[in-house]
């Protein structure tokens, strides 16, 4: 994040040993960062590595923290890697019978969802399968984890709230008229946002199931949502190539970045100063509102302190 240099490329030997993954037809590195004026910075070639355990098909989702990286694939499996051991795979999770479309984890569980219409709950430490949740009637496209609760959305038009211990649906949120592509559970547990093919973002009260507001947000499928509880903002990305920012409480549109990507926006997330997005382009775009502000790093330290206070660590 500091240098924007690509440090490592991990993949099967037939991929990482093929030079086309690293260089374009003119022999220039593919993995590099550029500023808005297209000035290349740090265009050095990253390290490539391959392990005996690897995916046999597209990687569709991932999440990481300081200890592990978890990836989910069209090969119907997930792989858990040790960050501190050079991203070496430590286990493969097998249960799904179709592509793994999304995953989430915390300090106890890893939760995965699949085109096979199920959700699997795994023990993070051992990789043991603890629960398989059944209830959706279409592909489960998104999962979020908050404590003992899971929120999921599906191509069956519905959003569901699950209890991990009972493996039962606590609440079903109905109202969308087409299949859902994404959902988000706010960090404070108050709100759930969902969106998909009907182009409308719905914000729900997580405790009552009430639909608080409908936001006609985009001109095409809404592929990505991100709820930032601290700022009170909702970030959306769509196949219409736009990224938009809304106020969670009011539904008011705060910012609009039309045609930010050259093709479908696949993911857009934010922190206190940046919006980071990916698209079919294929590119990672970083919108940094604090890039030229002196001592902006002090705000990051203050935010970490605030989060620690909220969590009861301070």
C-alpha atoms as a PDB file:
ATOM      1  CA  UNK A   1       0.000   0.000   0.000  1.00  0.00           C
ATOM      2  CA  UNK A   2       2.926   2.354   0.609  1.00  0.00           C
ATOM      3  CA  UNK A   3       4.868   1.796  -2.629  1.00  0.00           C
ATOM      4  CA  UNK A   4       2.095   0.298  -4.826  1.00  0.00           C
ATOM      5  CA  UNK A   5       4.636  -2.254  -5.976  1.00  0.00           C
ATOM      6  CA  UNK A   6       3.443  -5.777  -6.793  1.00  0.00           C
ATOM      7  CA  UNK A   7       5.426  -7.970  -4.394  1.00  0.00           C
ATOM      8  CA  UNK A   8       4.302 -11.510  -5.142  1.00  0.00           C
ATOM      9  CA  UNK A   9       2.350 -13.531  -7.719  1.00  0.00           C
ATOM     10  CA  UNK A  10       1.019 -16.940  -6.590  1.00  0.00           C
ATOM     11  CA  UNK A  11      -0.394 -19.522  -8.967  1.00  0.00           C
ATOM     12  CA  UNK A  12      -0.122 -22.959 -10.586  1.00  0.00           C
ATOM     13  CA  UNK A  13       3.245 -23.726 -12.218  1.00  0.00           C
ATOM     14  CA  UNK A  14       1.800 -23.654 -15.730  1.00  0.00           C
ATOM     15  CA  UNK A  15       0.705 -20.062 -15.066  1.00  0.00           C
ATOM     16  CA  UNK A  16       3.517 -18.469 -13.065  1.00  0.00           C
ATOM     17  CA  UNK A  17       6.202 -20.130 -15.191  1.00  0.00           C
ATOM     18  CA  UNK A  18       4.702 -18.610 -18.332  1.00  0.00           C
ATOM     19  CA  UNK A  19       6.322 -15.223 -18.942  1.00  0.00           C
ATOM     20  CA  UNK A  20       3.151 -13.774 -20.472  1.00  0.00           C
ATOM     21  CA  UNK A  21       1.754 -13.301 -16.961  1.00  0.00           C
ATOM     22  CA  UNK A  22       4.579 -10.863 -16.184  1.00  0.00           C
ATOM     23  CA  UNK A  23       5.319  -9.080 -19.475  1.00  0.00           C
ATOM     24  CA  UNK A  24       3.281  -7.523 -22.265  1.00  0.00           C
ATOM     25  CA  UNK A  25       4.078  -8.186 -25.964  1.00  0.00           C
ATOM     26  CA  UNK A  26       6.617  -5.341 -25.863  1.00  0.00           C
ATOM     27  CA  UNK A  27       8.516  -6.919 -22.979  1.00  0.00           C
ATOM     28  CA  UNK A  28       7.369  -4.391 -20.381  1.00  0.00           C
ATOM     29  CA  UNK A  29       6.140  -5.486 -16.930  1.00  0.00           C
ATOM     30  CA  UNK A  30       2.384  -5.970 -16.657  1.00  0.00           C
ATOM     31  CA  UNK A  31       2.212  -5.550 -12.881  1.00  0.00           C
ATOM     32  CA  UNK A  32       2.851  -1.886 -12.200  1.00  0.00           C
ATOM     33  CA  UNK A  33       1.211   1.181 -10.700  1.00  0.00           C
ATOM     34  CA  UNK A  34       0.567   4.385 -12.625  1.00  0.00           C
ATOM     35  CA  UNK A  35      -0.633   7.800 -11.556  1.00  0.00           C
ATOM     36  CA  UNK A  36      -3.411   9.696 -13.293  1.00  0.00           C
ATOM     37  CA  UNK A  37      -0.968  11.061 -15.871  1.00  0.00           C
ATOM     38  CA  UNK A  38       0.094   7.486 -16.676  1.00  0.00           C
ATOM     39  CA  UNK A  39       3.547   7.877 -15.155  1.00  0.00           C
ATOM     40  CA  UNK A  40       4.771   4.415 -14.256  1.00  0.00           C
ATOM     41  CA  UNK A  41       6.135   3.896 -10.772  1.00  0.00           C
ATOM     42  CA  UNK A  42       7.918   0.819  -9.457  1.00  0.00           C
ATOM     43  CA  UNK A  43       7.577  -1.187 -12.692  1.00  0.00           C
ATOM     44  CA  UNK A  44       9.834  -3.952 -11.392  1.00  0.00           C
ATOM     45  CA  UNK A  45       8.930  -7.591 -11.971  1.00  0.00           C
ATOM     46  CA  UNK A  46       7.331  -9.253  -8.900  1.00  0.00           C
ATOM     47  CA  UNK A  47       8.442 -12.528  -7.371  1.00  0.00           C
ATOM     48  CA  UNK A  48       6.455 -15.545  -8.596  1.00  0.00           C
ATOM     49  CA  UNK A  49       5.845 -18.667  -6.559  1.00  0.00           C
ATOM     50  CA  UNK A  50       3.968 -21.929  -7.041  1.00  0.00           C
ATOM     51  CA  UNK A  51       2.962 -24.505  -4.444  1.00  0.00           C
ATOM     52  CA  UNK A  52       1.804 -28.124  -4.834  1.00  0.00           C
ATOM     53  CA  UNK A  53      -1.612 -27.098  -3.490  1.00  0.00           C
ATOM     54  CA  UNK A  54      -3.243 -24.661  -5.901  1.00  0.00           C
ATOM     55  CA  UNK A  55      -6.533 -23.936  -7.627  1.00  0.00           C
ATOM     56  CA  UNK A  56      -7.408 -25.645 -10.901  1.00  0.00           C
ATOM     57  CA  UNK A  57      -9.819 -22.931 -12.082  1.00  0.00           C
ATOM     58  CA  UNK A  58     -10.679 -19.247 -11.668  1.00  0.00           C
ATOM     59  CA  UNK A  59     -10.280 -17.664  -8.226  1.00  0.00           C
ATOM     60  CA  UNK A  60     -13.551 -15.862  -7.571  1.00  0.00           C
ATOM     61  CA  UNK A  61     -13.153 -14.481  -4.040  1.00  0.00           C
ATOM     62  CA  UNK A  62     -10.640 -13.933  -1.264  1.00  0.00           C
ATOM     63  CA  UNK A  63     -10.194 -12.448   2.172  1.00  0.00           C
ATOM     64  CA  UNK A  64      -7.109 -11.986   4.314  1.00  0.00           C
ATOM     65  CA  UNK A  65      -5.868 -10.662   7.635  1.00  0.00           C
ATOM     66  CA  UNK A  66      -2.422 -10.584   9.256  1.00  0.00           C
ATOM     67  CA  UNK A  67      -2.357 -14.376   9.650  1.00  0.00           C
ATOM     68  CA  UNK A  68      -4.211 -16.075   6.807  1.00  0.00           C
ATOM     69  CA  UNK A  69      -5.360 -15.618   3.236  1.00  0.00           C
ATOM     70  CA  UNK A  70      -8.372 -17.632   2.055  1.00  0.00           C
ATOM     71  CA  UNK A  71      -9.337 -18.024  -1.603  1.00  0.00           C
ATOM     72  CA  UNK A  72     -12.432 -19.553  -3.191  1.00  0.00           C
ATOM     73  CA  UNK A  73     -12.534 -20.953  -6.714  1.00  0.00           C
ATOM     74  CA  UNK A  74     -14.604 -22.283  -9.563  1.00  0.00           C
ATOM     75  CA  UNK A  75     -12.993 -25.640  -8.752  1.00  0.00           C
ATOM     76  CA  UNK A  76     -15.477 -25.774  -5.798  1.00  0.00           C
ATOM     77  CA  UNK A  77     -12.746 -25.607  -3.125  1.00  0.00           C
ATOM     78  CA  UNK A  78     -11.112 -23.029  -0.871  1.00  0.00           C
ATOM     79  CA  UNK A  79      -7.442 -22.826   0.078  1.00  0.00           C
ATOM     80  CA  UNK A  80      -6.146 -21.385   3.350  1.00  0.00           C
ATOM     81  CA  UNK A  81      -2.645 -19.868   3.197  1.00  0.00           C
ATOM     82  CA  UNK A  82      -0.312 -18.797   6.012  1.00  0.00           C
ATOM     83  CA  UNK A  83       0.668 -15.156   5.490  1.00  0.00           C
ATOM     84  CA  UNK A  84       3.615 -15.369   7.870  1.00  0.00           C
ATOM     85  CA  UNK A  85       4.987 -18.436   6.035  1.00  0.00           C
ATOM     86  CA  UNK A  86       5.240 -16.685   2.717  1.00  0.00           C
ATOM     87  CA  UNK A  87       1.603 -17.377   1.768  1.00  0.00           C
ATOM     88  CA  UNK A  88       2.215 -21.121   1.832  1.00  0.00           C
ATOM     89  CA  UNK A  89      -1.017 -23.174   1.628  1.00  0.00           C
ATOM     90  CA  UNK A  90      -1.871 -24.970   4.869  1.00  0.00           C
ATOM     91  CA  UNK A  91      -5.135 -26.711   3.915  1.00  0.00           C
ATOM     92  CA  UNK A  92      -7.826 -27.069   1.287  1.00  0.00           C
ATOM     93  CA  UNK A  93     -11.518 -26.864   2.257  1.00  0.00           C
ATOM     94  CA  UNK A  94     -13.681 -29.385   0.382  1.00  0.00           C
ATOM     95  CA  UNK A  95     -17.459 -29.734   0.616  1.00  0.00           C
ATOM     96  CA  UNK A  96     -19.099 -27.575  -2.036  1.00  0.00           C
ATOM     97  CA  UNK A  97     -20.091 -29.243  -5.287  1.00  0.00           C
ATOM     98  CA  UNK A  98     -19.962 -26.110  -7.457  1.00  0.00           C
ATOM     99  CA  UNK A  99     -18.067 -22.816  -7.659  1.00  0.00           C
ATOM    100  CA  UNK A 100     -17.340 -20.960  -4.402  1.00  0.00           C
ATOM    101  CA  UNK A 101     -18.716 -17.463  -5.040  1.00  0.00           C
ATOM    102  CA  UNK A 102     -17.872 -15.609  -1.826  1.00  0.00           C
ATOM    103  CA  UNK A 103     -16.334 -16.104   1.612  1.00  0.00           C
ATOM    104  CA  UNK A 104     -15.809 -14.345   4.918  1.00  0.00           C
ATOM    105  CA  UNK A 105     -14.026 -15.155   8.157  1.00  0.00           C
ATOM    106  CA  UNK A 106     -13.369 -13.913  11.683  1.00  0.00           C
ATOM    107  CA  UNK A 107     -11.184 -15.257  14.505  1.00  0.00           C
ATOM    108  CA  UNK A 108     -13.321 -18.428  14.901  1.00  0.00           C
ATOM    109  CA  UNK A 109     -15.058 -19.276  11.632  1.00  0.00           C
ATOM    110  CA  UNK A 110     -14.616 -19.310   7.876  1.00  0.00           C
ATOM    111  CA  UNK A 111     -17.896 -19.018   5.973  1.00  0.00           C
ATOM    112  CA  UNK A 112     -18.199 -19.896   2.277  1.00  0.00           C
ATOM    113  CA  UNK A 113     -21.103 -19.812  -0.178  1.00  0.00           C
ATOM    114  CA  UNK A 114     -21.566 -21.482  -3.508  1.00  0.00           C
ATOM    115  CA  UNK A 115     -23.415 -21.929  -6.737  1.00  0.00           C
ATOM    116  CA  UNK A 116     -24.560 -25.242  -5.198  1.00  0.00           C
ATOM    117  CA  UNK A 117     -27.070 -23.104  -3.159  1.00  0.00           C
ATOM    118  CA  UNK A 118     -25.463 -23.902   0.218  1.00  0.00           C
ATOM    119  CA  UNK A 119     -23.376 -22.070   2.826  1.00  0.00           C
ATOM    120  CA  UNK A 120     -20.595 -23.870   4.697  1.00  0.00           C
ATOM    121  CA  UNK A 121     -19.245 -22.892   8.117  1.00  0.00           C
ATOM    122  CA  UNK A 122     -15.709 -24.079   8.907  1.00  0.00           C
ATOM    123  CA  UNK A 123     -13.532 -24.020  12.003  1.00  0.00           C
ATOM    124  CA  UNK A 124     -10.810 -21.491  11.245  1.00  0.00           C
ATOM    125  CA  UNK A 125      -8.169 -23.240  13.346  1.00  0.00           C
ATOM    126  CA  UNK A 126      -8.654 -26.833  12.144  1.00  0.00           C
ATOM    127  CA  UNK A 127     -10.507 -26.495   8.836  1.00  0.00           C
ATOM    128  CA  UNK A 128     -13.223 -28.865  10.063  1.00  0.00           C
ATOM    129  CA  UNK A 129     -16.675 -28.449   8.512  1.00  0.00           C
ATOM    130  CA  UNK A 130     -19.022 -27.383  11.316  1.00  0.00           C
ATOM    131  CA  UNK A 131     -22.308 -26.639   9.537  1.00  0.00           C
ATOM    132  CA  UNK A 132     -23.861 -26.626   6.091  1.00  0.00           C
ATOM    133  CA  UNK A 133     -26.724 -24.138   5.825  1.00  0.00           C
ATOM    134  CA  UNK A 134     -29.558 -24.907   3.426  1.00  0.00           C
ATOM    135  CA  UNK A 135     -32.505 -22.680   2.601  1.00  0.00           C
ATOM    136  CA  UNK A 136     -31.714 -20.666  -0.500  1.00  0.00           C
ATOM    137  CA  UNK A 137     -33.110 -22.004  -3.769  1.00  0.00           C
ATOM    138  CA  UNK A 138     -30.609 -20.255  -6.042  1.00  0.00           C
ATOM    139  CA  UNK A 139     -26.845 -19.654  -6.124  1.00  0.00           C
ATOM    140  CA  UNK A 140     -25.640 -17.951  -2.936  1.00  0.00           C
ATOM    141  CA  UNK A 141     -23.654 -14.992  -4.255  1.00  0.00           C
ATOM    142  CA  UNK A 142     -22.544 -13.211  -1.085  1.00  0.00           C
ATOM    143  CA  UNK A 143     -21.952 -13.849   2.635  1.00  0.00           C
ATOM    144  CA  UNK A 144     -21.015 -11.618   5.554  1.00  0.00           C
ATOM    145  CA  UNK A 145     -20.162 -12.670   9.103  1.00  0.00           C
ATOM    146  CA  UNK A 146     -20.846 -10.745  12.309  1.00  0.00           C
ATOM    147  CA  UNK A 147     -20.255 -12.699  15.502  1.00  0.00           C
ATOM    148  CA  UNK A 148     -22.646 -15.654  15.539  1.00  0.00           C
ATOM    149  CA  UNK A 149     -24.705 -14.315  12.648  1.00  0.00           C
ATOM    150  CA  UNK A 150     -24.388 -14.666   8.877  1.00  0.00           C
ATOM    151  CA  UNK A 151     -26.122 -12.611   6.212  1.00  0.00           C
ATOM    152  CA  UNK A 152     -26.399 -14.037   2.709  1.00  0.00           C
ATOM    153  CA  UNK A 153     -27.996 -13.110  -0.593  1.00  0.00           C
ATOM    154  CA  UNK A 154     -28.970 -15.267  -3.523  1.00  0.00           C
ATOM    155  CA  UNK A 155     -30.174 -15.462  -7.072  1.00  0.00           C
ATOM    156  CA  UNK A 156     -33.516 -16.512  -5.547  1.00  0.00           C
ATOM    157  CA  UNK A 157     -34.200 -12.753  -4.873  1.00  0.00           C
ATOM    158  CA  UNK A 158     -33.859 -13.120  -1.084  1.00  0.00           C
ATOM    159  CA  UNK A 159     -31.554 -12.002   1.734  1.00  0.00           C
ATOM    160  CA  UNK A 160     -31.302 -14.284   4.762  1.00  0.00           C
ATOM    161  CA  UNK A 161     -30.000 -13.831   8.287  1.00  0.00           C
ATOM    162  CA  UNK A 162     -28.686 -17.056   9.869  1.00  0.00           C
ATOM    163  CA  UNK A 163     -27.698 -18.219  13.349  1.00  0.00           C
ATOM    164  CA  UNK A 164     -24.503 -20.290  13.200  1.00  0.00           C
ATOM    165  CA  UNK A 165     -25.274 -22.452  16.273  1.00  0.00           C
ATOM    166  CA  UNK A 166     -28.748 -23.518  15.151  1.00  0.00           C
ATOM    167  CA  UNK A 167     -27.919 -23.459  11.404  1.00  0.00           C
ATOM    168  CA  UNK A 168     -31.386 -21.937  10.953  1.00  0.00           C
ATOM    169  CA  UNK A 169     -32.667 -18.826   9.217  1.00  0.00           C
ATOM    170  CA  UNK A 170     -33.444 -16.100  11.753  1.00  0.00           C
ATOM    171  CA  UNK A 171     -35.070 -13.752   9.272  1.00  0.00           C
ATOM    172  CA  UNK A 172     -35.703 -13.499   5.541  1.00  0.00           C
ATOM    173  CA  UNK A 173     -35.725 -10.117   3.807  1.00  0.00           C
ATOM    174  CA  UNK A 174     -38.010 -10.126   0.775  1.00  0.00           C
ATOM    175  CA  UNK A 175     -38.696  -7.286  -1.628  1.00  0.00           C
ATOM    176  CA  UNK A 176     -36.228  -7.475  -4.486  1.00  0.00           C
ATOM    177  CA  UNK A 177     -37.744  -8.393  -7.846  1.00  0.00           C
ATOM    178  CA  UNK A 178     -34.685 -10.012  -9.429  1.00  0.00           C
ATOM    179  CA  UNK A 179     -31.622 -12.008  -8.403  1.00  0.00           C
ATOM    180  CA  UNK A 180     -29.203 -10.496  -5.900  1.00  0.00           C
ATOM    181  CA  UNK A 181     -25.487 -10.114  -6.517  1.00  0.00           C
ATOM    182  CA  UNK A 182     -24.257  -8.529  -3.276  1.00  0.00           C
ATOM    183  CA  UNK A 183     -25.159  -7.823   0.330  1.00  0.00           C
ATOM    184  CA  UNK A 184     -23.396  -6.127   3.232  1.00  0.00           C
ATOM    185  CA  UNK A 185     -23.775  -6.353   7.009  1.00  0.00           C
ATOM    186  CA  UNK A 186     -22.654  -3.133   8.725  1.00  0.00           C
ATOM    187  CA  UNK A 187     -19.876  -3.466  11.286  1.00  0.00           C
ATOM    188  CA  UNK A 188     -22.141  -2.143  14.032  1.00  0.00           C
ATOM    189  CA  UNK A 189     -24.791  -4.764  13.181  1.00  0.00           C
ATOM    190  CA  UNK A 190     -27.555  -2.224  12.572  1.00  0.00           C
ATOM    191  CA  UNK A 191     -28.006  -2.351   8.826  1.00  0.00           C
ATOM    192  CA  UNK A 192     -28.027  -4.802   5.968  1.00  0.00           C
ATOM    193  CA  UNK A 193     -27.765  -3.532   2.395  1.00  0.00           C
ATOM    194  CA  UNK A 194     -28.548  -5.628  -0.670  1.00  0.00           C
ATOM    195  CA  UNK A 195     -28.636  -5.141  -4.430  1.00  0.00           C
ATOM    196  CA  UNK A 196     -28.530  -6.957  -7.741  1.00  0.00           C
ATOM    197  CA  UNK A 197     -30.244  -7.215 -11.085  1.00  0.00           C
ATOM    198  CA  UNK A 198     -33.220  -4.971 -10.243  1.00  0.00           C
ATOM    199  CA  UNK A 199     -30.737  -2.019  -9.985  1.00  0.00           C
ATOM    200  CA  UNK A 200     -32.140  -0.962  -6.592  1.00  0.00           C
ATOM    201  CA  UNK A 201     -30.213  -0.861  -3.322  1.00  0.00           C
ATOM    202  CA  UNK A 202     -32.344  -1.794  -0.334  1.00  0.00           C
ATOM    203  CA  UNK A 203     -31.255  -0.902   3.201  1.00  0.00           C
ATOM    204  CA  UNK A 204     -32.798  -3.062   5.945  1.00  0.00           C
ATOM    205  CA  UNK A 205     -33.014  -2.837   9.712  1.00  0.00           C
ATOM    206  CA  UNK A 206     -31.083  -5.964  10.731  1.00  0.00           C
ATOM    207  CA  UNK A 207     -33.034  -6.332  13.996  1.00  0.00           C
ATOM    208  CA  UNK A 208     -36.598  -5.921  12.726  1.00  0.00           C
ATOM    209  CA  UNK A 209     -36.346  -6.870   9.049  1.00  0.00           C
ATOM    210  CA  UNK A 210     -37.962  -3.582   8.022  1.00  0.00           C
ATOM    211  CA  UNK A 211     -36.897  -2.129   4.681  1.00  0.00           C
ATOM    212  CA  UNK A 212     -35.762   1.352   5.662  1.00  0.00           C
ATOM    213  CA  UNK A 213     -35.276   2.678   2.138  1.00  0.00           C
ATOM    214  CA  UNK A 214     -35.117   1.807  -1.541  1.00  0.00           C
ATOM    215  CA  UNK A 215     -32.415   3.580  -3.523  1.00  0.00           C
ATOM    216  CA  UNK A 216     -32.769   3.481  -7.329  1.00  0.00           C
ATOM    217  CA  UNK A 217     -29.020   3.559  -7.689  1.00  0.00           C
ATOM    218  CA  UNK A 218     -27.764   2.440 -11.099  1.00  0.00           C
ATOM    219  CA  UNK A 219     -28.682   1.777 -14.719  1.00  0.00           C
ATOM    220  CA  UNK A 220     -27.500  -1.822 -14.633  1.00  0.00           C
ATOM    221  CA  UNK A 221     -26.834  -4.688 -12.216  1.00  0.00           C
ATOM    222  CA  UNK A 222     -25.346  -3.558  -8.894  1.00  0.00           C
ATOM    223  CA  UNK A 223     -22.381  -5.864  -8.400  1.00  0.00           C
ATOM    224  CA  UNK A 224     -20.729  -4.472  -5.247  1.00  0.00           C
ATOM    225  CA  UNK A 225     -21.724  -2.851  -1.956  1.00  0.00           C
ATOM    226  CA  UNK A 226     -19.606  -1.674   0.962  1.00  0.00           C
ATOM    227  CA  UNK A 227     -20.968  -0.270   4.226  1.00  0.00           C
ATOM    228  CA  UNK A 228     -18.664   1.917   6.312  1.00  0.00           C
ATOM    229  CA  UNK A 229     -20.250   2.277   9.749  1.00  0.00           C
ATOM    230  CA  UNK A 230     -17.742   4.889  10.927  1.00  0.00           C
ATOM    231  CA  UNK A 231     -18.374   7.346   8.093  1.00  0.00           C
ATOM    232  CA  UNK A 232     -22.001   6.322   7.615  1.00  0.00           C
ATOM    233  CA  UNK A 233     -21.422   5.812   3.901  1.00  0.00           C
ATOM    234  CA  UNK A 234     -22.518   3.167   1.435  1.00  0.00           C
ATOM    235  CA  UNK A 235     -20.350   2.554  -1.648  1.00  0.00           C
ATOM    236  CA  UNK A 236     -21.875   0.871  -4.703  1.00  0.00           C
ATOM    237  CA  UNK A 237     -20.352  -0.385  -7.940  1.00  0.00           C
ATOM    238  CA  UNK A 238     -22.298  -1.446 -11.005  1.00  0.00           C
ATOM    239  CA  UNK A 239     -22.124  -3.010 -14.435  1.00  0.00           C
ATOM    240  CA  UNK A 240     -23.016   0.490 -15.698  1.00  0.00           C
ATOM    241  CA  UNK A 241     -19.306   1.302 -14.910  1.00  0.00           C
ATOM    242  CA  UNK A 242     -20.240   3.855 -12.203  1.00  0.00           C
ATOM    243  CA  UNK A 243     -19.275   4.066  -8.539  1.00  0.00           C
ATOM    244  CA  UNK A 244     -21.593   5.975  -6.198  1.00  0.00           C
ATOM    245  CA  UNK A 245     -21.508   6.992  -2.537  1.00  0.00           C
ATOM    246  CA  UNK A 246     -24.672   7.282  -0.432  1.00  0.00           C
ATOM    247  CA  UNK A 247     -25.527   8.318   3.109  1.00  0.00           C
ATOM    248  CA  UNK A 248     -26.742   5.178   4.909  1.00  0.00           C
ATOM    249  CA  UNK A 249     -29.185   7.023   7.196  1.00  0.00           C
ATOM    250  CA  UNK A 250     -30.919   9.125   4.536  1.00  0.00           C
ATOM    251  CA  UNK A 251     -30.214   7.359   1.242  1.00  0.00           C
ATOM    252  CA  UNK A 252     -28.967  10.645  -0.199  1.00  0.00           C
ATOM    253  CA  UNK A 253     -26.379  10.356  -2.963  1.00  0.00           C
ATOM    254  CA  UNK A 254     -23.205  12.099  -1.818  1.00  0.00           C
ATOM    255  CA  UNK A 255     -20.783  11.382  -4.660  1.00  0.00           C
ATOM    256  CA  UNK A 256     -20.934  10.009  -8.179  1.00  0.00           C
ATOM    257  CA  UNK A 257     -18.038   8.743 -10.287  1.00  0.00           C
ATOM    258  CA  UNK A 258     -19.526   7.967 -13.710  1.00  0.00           C
ATOM    259  CA  UNK A 259     -17.618   5.651 -16.049  1.00  0.00           C
ATOM    260  CA  UNK A 260     -14.877   5.282 -13.453  1.00  0.00           C
ATOM    261  CA  UNK A 261     -14.003   1.942 -15.028  1.00  0.00           C
ATOM    262  CA  UNK A 262     -13.984   1.139 -18.731  1.00  0.00           C
ATOM    263  CA  UNK A 263     -16.189  -1.895 -18.105  1.00  0.00           C
ATOM    264  CA  UNK A 264     -18.181  -3.593 -15.327  1.00  0.00           C
ATOM    265  CA  UNK A 265     -17.285  -2.580 -11.767  1.00  0.00           C
ATOM    266  CA  UNK A 266     -16.786  -5.838  -9.860  1.00  0.00           C
ATOM    267  CA  UNK A 267     -15.845  -4.549  -6.407  1.00  0.00           C
ATOM    268  CA  UNK A 268     -15.565  -1.197  -4.622  1.00  0.00           C
ATOM    269  CA  UNK A 269     -14.537  -0.709  -1.005  1.00  0.00           C
ATOM    270  CA  UNK A 270     -13.448   2.223   1.137  1.00  0.00           C
ATOM    271  CA  UNK A 271     -11.595   3.217   4.271  1.00  0.00           C
ATOM    272  CA  UNK A 272     -11.305   6.626   5.919  1.00  0.00           C
ATOM    273  CA  UNK A 273      -9.536   8.189   2.914  1.00  0.00           C
ATOM    274  CA  UNK A 274      -9.656   5.900  -0.110  1.00  0.00           C
ATOM    275  CA  UNK A 275     -12.059   4.167  -2.457  1.00  0.00           C
ATOM    276  CA  UNK A 276     -10.433   1.110  -4.034  1.00  0.00           C
ATOM    277  CA  UNK A 277     -12.206  -0.608  -6.909  1.00  0.00           C
ATOM    278  CA  UNK A 278     -11.685  -3.380  -9.428  1.00  0.00           C
ATOM    279  CA  UNK A 279     -13.364  -3.981 -12.739  1.00  0.00           C
ATOM    280  CA  UNK A 280     -13.446  -6.135 -15.811  1.00  0.00           C
ATOM    281  CA  UNK A 281     -10.893  -3.686 -17.323  1.00  0.00           C
ATOM    282  CA  UNK A 282      -8.781  -5.341 -15.642  1.00  0.00           C
ATOM    283  CA  UNK A 283      -7.395  -2.760 -13.211  1.00  0.00           C
ATOM    284  CA  UNK A 284      -7.298  -1.810  -9.567  1.00  0.00           C
ATOM    285  CA  UNK A 285      -8.142   1.878  -9.184  1.00  0.00           C
ATOM    286  CA  UNK A 286      -7.266   3.798  -6.006  1.00  0.00           C
ATOM    287  CA  UNK A 287      -9.045   7.070  -5.346  1.00  0.00           C
ATOM    288  CA  UNK A 288      -7.057   8.692  -2.520  1.00  0.00           C
ATOM    289  CA  UNK A 289      -8.699  11.798  -1.081  1.00  0.00           C
ATOM    290  CA  UNK A 290      -5.837  12.305   1.377  1.00  0.00           C
ATOM    291  CA  UNK A 291      -2.912  11.968  -1.029  1.00  0.00           C
ATOM    292  CA  UNK A 292      -1.770  15.598  -0.846  1.00  0.00           C
ATOM    293  CA  UNK A 293      -2.866  16.419   2.699  1.00  0.00           C
ATOM    294  CA  UNK A 294       0.039  16.998   5.155  1.00  0.00           C
ATOM    295  CA  UNK A 295       0.188  14.589   8.108  1.00  0.00           C
ATOM    296  CA  UNK A 296      -2.759  12.543   6.812  1.00  0.00           C
ATOM    297  CA  UNK A 297      -1.183   9.472   8.443  1.00  0.00           C
ATOM    298  CA  UNK A 298      -2.041  10.914  11.864  1.00  0.00           C
ATOM    299  CA  UNK A 299      -5.724  10.458  11.069  1.00  0.00           C
ATOM    300  CA  UNK A 300      -5.115   6.759  10.484  1.00  0.00           C
ATOM    301  CA  UNK A 301      -3.581   6.421  13.948  1.00  0.00           C
ATOM    302  CA  UNK A 302      -6.564   8.233  15.461  1.00  0.00           C
ATOM    303  CA  UNK A 303      -8.999   5.965  13.613  1.00  0.00           C
ATOM    304  CA  UNK A 304      -7.218   2.826  14.858  1.00  0.00           C
ATOM    305  CA  UNK A 305      -7.518   4.191  18.399  1.00  0.00           C
ATOM    306  CA  UNK A 306     -11.230   4.846  17.901  1.00  0.00           C
ATOM    307  CA  UNK A 307     -11.833   1.315  16.584  1.00  0.00           C
ATOM    308  CA  UNK A 308      -9.919  -0.174  19.529  1.00  0.00           C
ATOM    309  CA  UNK A 309     -12.039   1.875  21.960  1.00  0.00           C
ATOM    310  CA  UNK A 310     -15.266   0.736  20.297  1.00  0.00           C
ATOM    311  CA  UNK A 311     -14.126  -2.868  20.514  1.00  0.00           C
ATOM    312  CA  UNK A 312     -13.337  -2.511  24.244  1.00  0.00           C
ATOM    313  CA  UNK A 313      -9.588  -2.999  23.924  1.00  0.00           C
ATOM    314  CA  UNK A 314      -8.884   0.486  25.339  1.00  0.00           C
END
